[in-house]
Amino acid sequence: MNLPVGEIISKGVSMREIDVRKLLEGFYEKEFSGYLIVTLEGFDGIEEGVLLFKGGSLDAAFYEYDLHGVTVFADAAVPHVFNSLAAPYVVGDIVSLSDQQVDLITAFNEKSKLARAVQKGDIQRLIPKAYSAEFAKSVLSQYVKKEESKKEIFKKFGLSSLGE
């Protein structure tokens, strides 16, 4: 997803070196408009997650599994983004936007808009103690099919001796 540049607040911050809970709760308190984008070496390649805020409330989210071209949107993306915040090697950028820029992002990406509000009090509960590859496995298993070997294909057609 293409996002506007806006005003870069922080770039390349190791999310392991900061208190992520306080950072996100601060977005609510300061009525932040903009986004937090996190990038990590995940379960199976590079993964990237975005939390989009408008006026201090979490408005939209999406999570991309770059290697597989799979993107998870809105409410389904929230646990993936929060899971990534607990990864051993994750960096984040914080970019401030105007409310109008946020509105444009959500207008052009309707499926990223949250149906259920994430409140400030939910933040601590959403951040896991440790990164789990199970989030990636569960999503990717729905979209990515395992390639069959020649032997498996021949076996399907009753020609198993040809695949050896």
N, C-alpha and C. Protein backbone atom coordinates (compact mmCIF):
# COMPACT_ATOMS: atom_id res chain seq x y z
N MET A 1 0.85 -1.17 0.00
CA MET A 1 0.00 0.00 0.00
C MET A 1 0.90 1.24 0.00
N ASN A 2 0.56 2.17 -0.82
CA ASN A 2 1.30 3.42 -0.85
C ASN A 2 0.73 4.39 0.18
N LEU A 3 1.61 4.92 1.00
CA LEU A 3 1.20 5.86 2.03
C LEU A 3 1.90 7.19 1.80
N PRO A 4 1.24 8.30 2.11
CA PRO A 4 1.90 9.60 1.94
C PRO A 4 3.05 9.75 2.93
N VAL A 5 4.04 10.54 2.54
CA VAL A 5 5.21 10.72 3.38
C VAL A 5 4.89 11.51 4.64
N GLY A 6 4.21 12.59 4.56
CA GLY A 6 3.89 13.38 5.74
C GLY A 6 5.14 13.87 6.45
N GLU A 7 5.00 14.17 7.73
CA GLU A 7 6.13 14.63 8.54
C GLU A 7 6.70 13.43 9.31
N ILE A 8 7.94 13.08 9.02
CA ILE A 8 8.57 11.93 9.68
C ILE A 8 8.94 12.32 11.10
N ILE A 9 8.34 11.63 12.06
CA ILE A 9 8.61 11.88 13.48
C ILE A 9 9.82 11.07 13.93
N SER A 10 9.83 9.79 13.58
CA SER A 10 10.94 8.88 13.90
C SER A 10 11.10 7.91 12.75
N LYS A 11 12.36 7.53 12.51
CA LYS A 11 12.63 6.61 11.40
C LYS A 11 13.62 5.54 11.86
N GLY A 12 13.32 4.28 11.54
CA GLY A 12 14.23 3.18 11.84
C GLY A 12 14.42 2.91 13.31
N VAL A 13 13.39 3.14 14.11
CA VAL A 13 13.47 2.93 15.55
C VAL A 13 13.32 1.44 15.86
N SER A 14 14.25 0.89 16.63
CA SER A 14 14.12 -0.49 17.08
C SER A 14 12.98 -0.55 18.09
N MET A 15 11.95 -1.28 17.75
CA MET A 15 10.77 -1.34 18.62
C MET A 15 11.06 -2.12 19.91
N ARG A 16 12.14 -2.85 19.93
CA ARG A 16 12.54 -3.59 21.13
C ARG A 16 13.19 -2.67 22.17
N GLU A 17 13.63 -1.49 21.73
CA GLU A 17 14.33 -0.57 22.63
C GLU A 17 13.42 0.47 23.25
N ILE A 18 12.14 0.46 22.89
CA ILE A 18 11.21 1.45 23.44
C ILE A 18 10.04 0.73 24.10
N ASP A 19 9.29 1.47 24.88
CA ASP A 19 8.08 0.93 25.50
C ASP A 19 6.94 1.14 24.51
N VAL A 20 6.61 0.10 23.77
CA VAL A 20 5.62 0.18 22.70
C VAL A 20 4.24 0.54 23.27
N ARG A 21 3.91 -0.01 24.41
CA ARG A 21 2.62 0.30 25.02
C ARG A 21 2.48 1.79 25.27
N LYS A 22 3.51 2.40 25.86
CA LYS A 22 3.47 3.84 26.13
C LYS A 22 3.41 4.65 24.83
N LEU A 23 4.13 4.19 23.83
CA LEU A 23 4.11 4.88 22.53
C LEU A 23 2.70 4.91 21.96
N LEU A 24 2.06 3.75 21.90
CA LEU A 24 0.72 3.66 21.32
C LEU A 24 -0.32 4.37 22.17
N GLU A 25 -0.22 4.24 23.47
CA GLU A 25 -1.15 4.97 24.34
C GLU A 25 -0.96 6.47 24.20
N GLY A 26 0.27 6.90 23.94
CA GLY A 26 0.55 8.31 23.70
C GLY A 26 -0.13 8.83 22.45
N PHE A 27 -0.27 7.98 21.45
CA PHE A 27 -0.99 8.37 20.22
C PHE A 27 -2.43 8.76 20.55
N TYR A 28 -3.05 8.01 21.47
CA TYR A 28 -4.42 8.30 21.88
C TYR A 28 -4.46 9.62 22.66
N GLU A 29 -3.55 9.75 23.62
CA GLU A 29 -3.53 10.92 24.49
C GLU A 29 -3.24 12.22 23.73
N LYS A 30 -2.36 12.15 22.75
CA LYS A 30 -1.95 13.35 22.00
C LYS A 30 -2.81 13.58 20.76
N GLU A 31 -3.85 12.76 20.60
CA GLU A 31 -4.75 12.85 19.44
C GLU A 31 -3.96 12.85 18.14
N PHE A 32 -3.05 11.89 18.04
CA PHE A 32 -2.15 11.74 16.90
C PHE A 32 -2.91 11.35 15.63
N SER A 33 -2.53 11.98 14.53
CA SER A 33 -3.01 11.57 13.20
C SER A 33 -1.78 11.21 12.39
N GLY A 34 -1.76 10.01 11.87
CA GLY A 34 -0.62 9.53 11.10
C GLY A 34 -0.55 8.02 11.22
N TYR A 35 0.65 7.49 11.02
CA TYR A 35 0.76 6.04 11.07
C TYR A 35 2.08 5.58 11.67
N LEU A 36 2.01 4.37 12.20
CA LEU A 36 3.19 3.63 12.64
C LEU A 36 3.33 2.49 11.65
N ILE A 37 4.48 2.42 11.02
CA ILE A 37 4.75 1.31 10.09
C ILE A 37 5.92 0.52 10.65
N VAL A 38 5.74 -0.79 10.75
CA VAL A 38 6.78 -1.66 11.29
C VAL A 38 7.21 -2.67 10.23
N THR A 39 8.50 -2.94 10.21
CA THR A 39 9.06 -3.89 9.25
C THR A 39 9.90 -4.90 10.02
N LEU A 40 9.76 -6.17 9.65
CA LEU A 40 10.52 -7.20 10.36
C LEU A 40 10.82 -8.37 9.44
N GLU A 41 11.83 -9.13 9.83
CA GLU A 41 12.11 -10.42 9.21
C GLU A 41 11.23 -11.39 9.97
N GLY A 42 10.14 -11.78 9.36
CA GLY A 42 9.14 -12.59 10.05
C GLY A 42 9.29 -14.07 9.83
N PHE A 43 8.17 -14.76 9.92
CA PHE A 43 8.11 -16.21 9.80
C PHE A 43 8.69 -16.69 8.47
N ASP A 44 8.30 -16.05 7.38
CA ASP A 44 8.72 -16.49 6.06
C ASP A 44 9.01 -15.28 5.17
N GLY A 45 10.03 -14.52 5.55
CA GLY A 45 10.41 -13.35 4.76
C GLY A 45 10.05 -12.05 5.44
N ILE A 46 10.11 -11.00 4.65
CA ILE A 46 9.84 -9.66 5.17
C ILE A 46 8.33 -9.48 5.36
N GLU A 47 8.00 -8.90 6.50
CA GLU A 47 6.60 -8.59 6.81
C GLU A 47 6.54 -7.12 7.19
N GLU A 48 5.39 -6.51 6.90
CA GLU A 48 5.23 -5.09 7.18
C GLU A 48 3.81 -4.84 7.67
N GLY A 49 3.71 -4.07 8.75
CA GLY A 49 2.40 -3.77 9.32
C GLY A 49 2.22 -2.28 9.51
N VAL A 50 0.98 -1.83 9.41
CA VAL A 50 0.67 -0.41 9.56
C VAL A 50 -0.53 -0.25 10.48
N LEU A 51 -0.40 0.67 11.43
CA LEU A 51 -1.52 1.13 12.25
C LEU A 51 -1.74 2.59 11.89
N LEU A 52 -2.93 2.93 11.43
CA LEU A 52 -3.27 4.28 10.97
C LEU A 52 -4.19 4.94 12.00
N PHE A 53 -3.76 6.08 12.50
CA PHE A 53 -4.51 6.81 13.53
C PHE A 53 -5.08 8.11 12.96
N LYS A 54 -6.25 8.47 13.47
CA LYS A 54 -6.83 9.76 13.12
C LYS A 54 -7.38 10.39 14.40
N GLY A 55 -6.86 11.55 14.73
CA GLY A 55 -7.34 12.27 15.91
C GLY A 55 -7.27 11.47 17.19
N GLY A 56 -6.26 10.62 17.30
CA GLY A 56 -6.06 9.86 18.52
C GLY A 56 -6.83 8.56 18.61
N SER A 57 -7.40 8.10 17.51
CA SER A 57 -8.03 6.78 17.56
C SER A 57 -7.53 5.94 16.39
N LEU A 58 -7.40 4.66 16.66
CA LEU A 58 -6.93 3.73 15.65
C LEU A 58 -8.04 3.57 14.61
N ASP A 59 -7.74 3.95 13.37
CA ASP A 59 -8.74 4.04 12.31
C ASP A 59 -8.67 2.89 11.32
N ALA A 60 -7.44 2.41 11.03
CA ALA A 60 -7.26 1.39 10.00
C ALA A 60 -5.98 0.62 10.28
N ALA A 61 -5.88 -0.57 9.67
CA ALA A 61 -4.69 -1.40 9.82
C ALA A 61 -4.57 -2.34 8.64
N PHE A 62 -3.34 -2.69 8.32
CA PHE A 62 -3.10 -3.76 7.35
C PHE A 62 -1.74 -4.37 7.62
N TYR A 63 -1.57 -5.60 7.14
CA TYR A 63 -0.35 -6.35 7.38
C TYR A 63 0.00 -7.11 6.11
N GLU A 64 1.23 -6.95 5.63
CA GLU A 64 1.66 -7.57 4.37
C GLU A 64 2.73 -8.63 4.60
N TYR A 65 2.54 -9.76 3.93
CA TYR A 65 3.55 -10.82 3.86
C TYR A 65 4.15 -10.70 2.47
N ASP A 66 5.23 -9.94 2.37
CA ASP A 66 5.78 -9.55 1.07
C ASP A 66 6.15 -10.72 0.16
N LEU A 67 6.79 -11.74 0.69
CA LEU A 67 7.24 -12.86 -0.12
C LEU A 67 6.08 -13.55 -0.84
N HIS A 68 4.92 -13.58 -0.21
CA HIS A 68 3.78 -14.29 -0.76
C HIS A 68 2.74 -13.37 -1.40
N GLY A 69 2.94 -12.06 -1.29
CA GLY A 69 1.98 -11.12 -1.85
C GLY A 69 0.62 -11.18 -1.17
N VAL A 70 0.62 -11.50 0.12
CA VAL A 70 -0.61 -11.61 0.87
C VAL A 70 -0.72 -10.42 1.82
N THR A 71 -1.90 -9.77 1.82
CA THR A 71 -2.16 -8.66 2.72
C THR A 71 -3.42 -8.95 3.52
N VAL A 72 -3.34 -8.71 4.82
CA VAL A 72 -4.47 -8.87 5.73
C VAL A 72 -4.92 -7.47 6.10
N PHE A 73 -6.24 -7.24 6.10
CA PHE A 73 -6.76 -5.89 6.30
C PHE A 73 -7.61 -5.76 7.55
N ALA A 74 -7.73 -4.54 8.02
CA ALA A 74 -8.66 -4.09 9.06
C ALA A 74 -8.52 -4.88 10.35
N ASP A 75 -9.66 -5.31 10.91
CA ASP A 75 -9.66 -5.98 12.22
C ASP A 75 -8.80 -7.24 12.22
N ALA A 76 -8.78 -7.95 11.11
CA ALA A 76 -7.96 -9.17 11.02
C ALA A 76 -6.47 -8.84 11.07
N ALA A 77 -6.08 -7.65 10.66
CA ALA A 77 -4.66 -7.27 10.65
C ALA A 77 -4.15 -6.84 12.01
N VAL A 78 -5.02 -6.37 12.87
CA VAL A 78 -4.60 -5.82 14.17
C VAL A 78 -3.76 -6.82 14.97
N PRO A 79 -4.19 -8.08 15.17
CA PRO A 79 -3.35 -9.00 15.94
C PRO A 79 -1.99 -9.26 15.28
N HIS A 80 -1.95 -9.24 13.96
CA HIS A 80 -0.69 -9.45 13.25
C HIS A 80 0.28 -8.30 13.50
N VAL A 81 -0.23 -7.07 13.45
CA VAL A 81 0.63 -5.91 13.69
C VAL A 81 1.14 -5.94 15.13
N PHE A 82 0.25 -6.19 16.07
CA PHE A 82 0.68 -6.22 17.47
C PHE A 82 1.64 -7.37 17.73
N ASN A 83 1.42 -8.50 17.10
CA ASN A 83 2.36 -9.62 17.22
C ASN A 83 3.74 -9.21 16.72
N SER A 84 3.79 -8.49 15.63
CA SER A 84 5.08 -8.08 15.06
C SER A 84 5.84 -7.16 16.01
N LEU A 85 5.13 -6.42 16.83
CA LEU A 85 5.79 -5.51 17.78
C LEU A 85 6.61 -6.27 18.82
N ALA A 86 6.36 -7.57 18.97
CA ALA A 86 7.10 -8.39 19.93
C ALA A 86 8.23 -9.19 19.26
N ALA A 87 8.41 -9.00 17.96
CA ALA A 87 9.46 -9.74 17.24
C ALA A 87 10.85 -9.30 17.71
N PRO A 88 11.83 -10.19 17.61
CA PRO A 88 13.18 -9.85 18.07
C PRO A 88 13.83 -8.71 17.28
N TYR A 89 13.58 -8.66 15.99
CA TYR A 89 14.19 -7.62 15.15
C TYR A 89 13.10 -6.93 14.36
N VAL A 90 12.61 -5.83 14.89
CA VAL A 90 11.54 -5.07 14.22
C VAL A 90 11.87 -3.59 14.34
N VAL A 91 11.76 -2.90 13.23
CA VAL A 91 12.00 -1.45 13.23
C VAL A 91 10.72 -0.75 12.81
N GLY A 92 10.58 0.48 13.29
CA GLY A 92 9.36 1.23 12.99
C GLY A 92 9.65 2.65 12.58
N ASP A 93 8.74 3.19 11.81
CA ASP A 93 8.74 4.59 11.43
C ASP A 93 7.42 5.18 11.91
N ILE A 94 7.47 6.41 12.40
CA ILE A 94 6.27 7.12 12.82
C ILE A 94 6.16 8.35 11.93
N VAL A 95 5.01 8.47 11.27
CA VAL A 95 4.80 9.57 10.33
C VAL A 95 3.51 10.28 10.70
N SER A 96 3.60 11.59 10.85
CA SER A 96 2.45 12.41 11.17
C SER A 96 1.78 12.87 9.88
N LEU A 97 0.44 12.83 9.86
CA LEU A 97 -0.34 13.26 8.71
C LEU A 97 -1.45 14.20 9.17
N SER A 98 -2.02 14.91 8.23
CA SER A 98 -3.21 15.69 8.55
C SER A 98 -4.41 14.74 8.57
N ASP A 99 -5.49 15.17 9.21
CA ASP A 99 -6.71 14.35 9.23
C ASP A 99 -7.21 14.10 7.80
N GLN A 100 -7.04 15.10 6.93
CA GLN A 100 -7.48 14.95 5.54
C GLN A 100 -6.69 13.87 4.82
N GLN A 101 -5.39 13.79 5.08
CA GLN A 101 -4.57 12.75 4.46
C GLN A 101 -5.01 11.36 4.94
N VAL A 102 -5.32 11.25 6.22
CA VAL A 102 -5.80 9.98 6.76
C VAL A 102 -7.13 9.61 6.10
N ASP A 103 -8.01 10.60 5.95
CA ASP A 103 -9.30 10.35 5.29
C ASP A 103 -9.10 9.86 3.86
N LEU A 104 -8.13 10.43 3.15
CA LEU A 104 -7.86 9.99 1.78
C LEU A 104 -7.35 8.55 1.74
N ILE A 105 -6.49 8.20 2.67
CA ILE A 105 -5.96 6.82 2.73
C ILE A 105 -7.11 5.84 2.92
N THR A 106 -7.98 6.13 3.88
CA THR A 106 -9.08 5.20 4.15
C THR A 106 -10.13 5.22 3.04
N ALA A 107 -10.29 6.36 2.36
CA ALA A 107 -11.25 6.42 1.24
C ALA A 107 -10.78 5.54 0.09
N PHE A 108 -9.48 5.53 -0.18
CA PHE A 108 -8.95 4.72 -1.28
C PHE A 108 -8.66 3.28 -0.88
N ASN A 109 -8.69 3.01 0.42
CA ASN A 109 -8.42 1.66 0.94
C ASN A 109 -9.48 1.29 1.96
N GLU A 110 -10.73 1.27 1.52
CA GLU A 110 -11.87 1.00 2.40
C GLU A 110 -11.69 -0.27 3.24
N LYS A 111 -11.11 -1.31 2.63
CA LYS A 111 -11.02 -2.58 3.34
C LYS A 111 -10.03 -2.56 4.50
N SER A 112 -9.25 -1.48 4.64
CA SER A 112 -8.32 -1.38 5.76
C SER A 112 -8.96 -0.73 6.99
N LYS A 113 -10.13 -0.14 6.83
CA LYS A 113 -10.80 0.57 7.92
C LYS A 113 -11.35 -0.42 8.95
N LEU A 114 -11.10 -0.13 10.23
CA LEU A 114 -11.53 -1.01 11.31
C LEU A 114 -13.05 -0.94 11.51
N ALA A 115 -13.66 -2.08 11.73
CA ALA A 115 -15.09 -2.15 12.04
C ALA A 115 -15.29 -2.02 13.55
N ARG A 116 -14.35 -2.56 14.32
CA ARG A 116 -14.40 -2.49 15.79
C ARG A 116 -13.31 -1.55 16.28
N ALA A 117 -13.69 -0.64 17.14
CA ALA A 117 -12.73 0.33 17.68
C ALA A 117 -11.76 -0.36 18.63
N VAL A 118 -10.50 0.03 18.54
CA VAL A 118 -9.48 -0.42 19.50
C VAL A 118 -9.26 0.75 20.44
N GLN A 119 -9.61 0.55 21.70
CA GLN A 119 -9.51 1.61 22.70
C GLN A 119 -8.11 1.64 23.31
N LYS A 120 -7.78 2.75 23.91
CA LYS A 120 -6.49 2.90 24.58
C LYS A 120 -6.28 1.79 25.61
N GLY A 121 -7.32 1.43 26.33
CA GLY A 121 -7.24 0.38 27.35
C GLY A 121 -6.98 -1.01 26.78
N ASP A 122 -7.20 -1.19 25.49
CA ASP A 122 -6.98 -2.49 24.84
C ASP A 122 -5.52 -2.74 24.49
N ILE A 123 -4.73 -1.68 24.44
CA ILE A 123 -3.35 -1.77 23.95
C ILE A 123 -2.53 -2.80 24.72
N GLN A 124 -2.53 -2.72 26.03
CA GLN A 124 -1.71 -3.63 26.83
C GLN A 124 -2.09 -5.09 26.58
N ARG A 125 -3.38 -5.36 26.45
CA ARG A 125 -3.85 -6.72 26.21
C ARG A 125 -3.44 -7.22 24.83
N LEU A 126 -3.35 -6.34 23.85
CA LEU A 126 -3.05 -6.74 22.48
C LEU A 126 -1.57 -7.04 22.23
N ILE A 127 -0.70 -6.46 23.03
CA ILE A 127 0.73 -6.68 22.83
C ILE A 127 1.14 -8.00 23.49
N PRO A 128 1.57 -8.97 22.69
CA PRO A 128 1.96 -10.27 23.27
C PRO A 128 3.31 -10.19 23.99
N LYS A 129 3.55 -11.15 24.85
CA LYS A 129 4.83 -11.20 25.56
C LYS A 129 5.96 -11.64 24.63
N ALA A 130 5.62 -12.45 23.63
CA ALA A 130 6.64 -12.95 22.68
C ALA A 130 6.01 -13.06 21.29
N TYR A 131 6.84 -12.90 20.28
CA TYR A 131 6.42 -13.03 18.89
C TYR A 131 6.00 -14.47 18.60
N SER A 132 4.92 -14.64 17.85
CA SER A 132 4.44 -15.97 17.48
C SER A 132 4.37 -16.10 15.97
N ALA A 133 5.03 -17.09 15.42
CA ALA A 133 4.98 -17.35 13.98
C ALA A 133 3.64 -17.95 13.58
N GLU A 134 2.83 -18.36 14.54
CA GLU A 134 1.53 -18.98 14.25
C GLU A 134 0.59 -18.04 13.52
N PHE A 135 0.68 -16.73 13.78
CA PHE A 135 -0.16 -15.78 13.04
C PHE A 135 0.12 -15.88 11.55
N ALA A 136 1.39 -15.85 11.21
CA ALA A 136 1.77 -15.94 9.79
C ALA A 136 1.36 -17.28 9.22
N LYS A 137 1.63 -18.35 9.92
CA LYS A 137 1.30 -19.68 9.42
C LYS A 137 -0.20 -19.82 9.16
N SER A 138 -1.01 -19.30 10.07
CA SER A 138 -2.46 -19.44 9.92
C SER A 138 -2.97 -18.68 8.70
N VAL A 139 -2.47 -17.51 8.46
CA VAL A 139 -2.92 -16.73 7.30
C VAL A 139 -2.36 -17.29 6.01
N LEU A 140 -1.08 -17.57 6.01
CA LEU A 140 -0.45 -18.04 4.78
C LEU A 140 -0.96 -19.40 4.35
N SER A 141 -1.35 -20.24 5.28
CA SER A 141 -1.87 -21.57 4.91
C SER A 141 -3.18 -21.45 4.12
N GLN A 142 -3.91 -20.36 4.30
CA GLN A 142 -5.15 -20.14 3.57
C GLN A 142 -4.90 -19.68 2.13
N TYR A 143 -3.80 -18.98 1.91
CA TYR A 143 -3.55 -18.36 0.62
C TYR A 143 -2.49 -19.05 -0.23
N VAL A 144 -1.53 -19.66 0.42
CA VAL A 144 -0.39 -20.22 -0.30
C VAL A 144 -0.52 -21.74 -0.32
N LYS A 145 -0.56 -22.28 -1.50
CA LYS A 145 -0.64 -23.73 -1.64
C LYS A 145 0.76 -24.29 -1.84
N LYS A 146 1.00 -25.42 -1.21
CA LYS A 146 2.28 -26.09 -1.33
C LYS A 146 2.41 -26.65 -2.75
N GLU A 147 3.55 -26.42 -3.38
CA GLU A 147 3.77 -26.96 -4.72
C GLU A 147 4.00 -28.47 -4.62
N GLU A 148 3.34 -29.18 -5.50
CA GLU A 148 3.49 -30.63 -5.50
C GLU A 148 4.74 -31.02 -6.29
N SER A 149 5.40 -32.03 -5.79
CA SER A 149 6.58 -32.54 -6.48
C SER A 149 6.13 -33.39 -7.67
N LYS A 150 7.05 -33.67 -8.57
CA LYS A 150 6.74 -34.52 -9.73
C LYS A 150 6.23 -35.88 -9.26
N LYS A 151 6.87 -36.40 -8.21
CA LYS A 151 6.49 -37.72 -7.70
C LYS A 151 5.03 -37.71 -7.23
N GLU A 152 4.62 -36.65 -6.52
CA GLU A 152 3.24 -36.56 -6.04
C GLU A 152 2.26 -36.44 -7.19
N ILE A 153 2.62 -35.72 -8.24
CA ILE A 153 1.74 -35.56 -9.40
C ILE A 153 1.58 -36.90 -10.12
N PHE A 154 2.68 -37.61 -10.35
CA PHE A 154 2.60 -38.91 -11.01
C PHE A 154 1.78 -39.90 -10.18
N LYS A 155 1.93 -39.83 -8.87
CA LYS A 155 1.20 -40.73 -7.98
C LYS A 155 -0.31 -40.52 -8.11
N LYS A 156 -0.74 -39.25 -8.26
CA LYS A 156 -2.16 -38.93 -8.44
C LYS A 156 -2.75 -39.66 -9.65
N PHE A 157 -1.95 -39.78 -10.69
CA PHE A 157 -2.41 -40.38 -11.93
C PHE A 157 -2.09 -41.86 -12.03
N GLY A 158 -1.65 -42.47 -10.93
CA GLY A 158 -1.35 -43.90 -10.92
C GLY A 158 -0.07 -44.24 -11.67
N LEU A 159 0.81 -43.28 -11.79
CA LEU A 159 2.09 -43.49 -12.52
C LEU A 159 3.26 -43.27 -11.57
N SER A 160 3.15 -43.77 -10.36
CA SER A 160 4.15 -43.48 -9.33
C SER A 160 5.56 -43.92 -9.71
N SER A 161 5.72 -44.92 -10.52
CA SER A 161 7.06 -45.38 -10.90
C SER A 161 7.77 -44.37 -11.81
N LEU A 162 7.06 -43.46 -12.48
CA LEU A 162 7.69 -42.49 -13.37
C LEU A 162 8.32 -41.33 -12.61
N GLY A 163 7.87 -41.07 -11.40
CA GLY A 163 8.38 -39.92 -10.65
C GLY A 163 9.66 -40.19 -9.90
N GLU A 164 10.21 -41.38 -10.03
CA GLU A 164 11.41 -41.73 -9.26
C GLU A 164 12.68 -41.43 -9.99
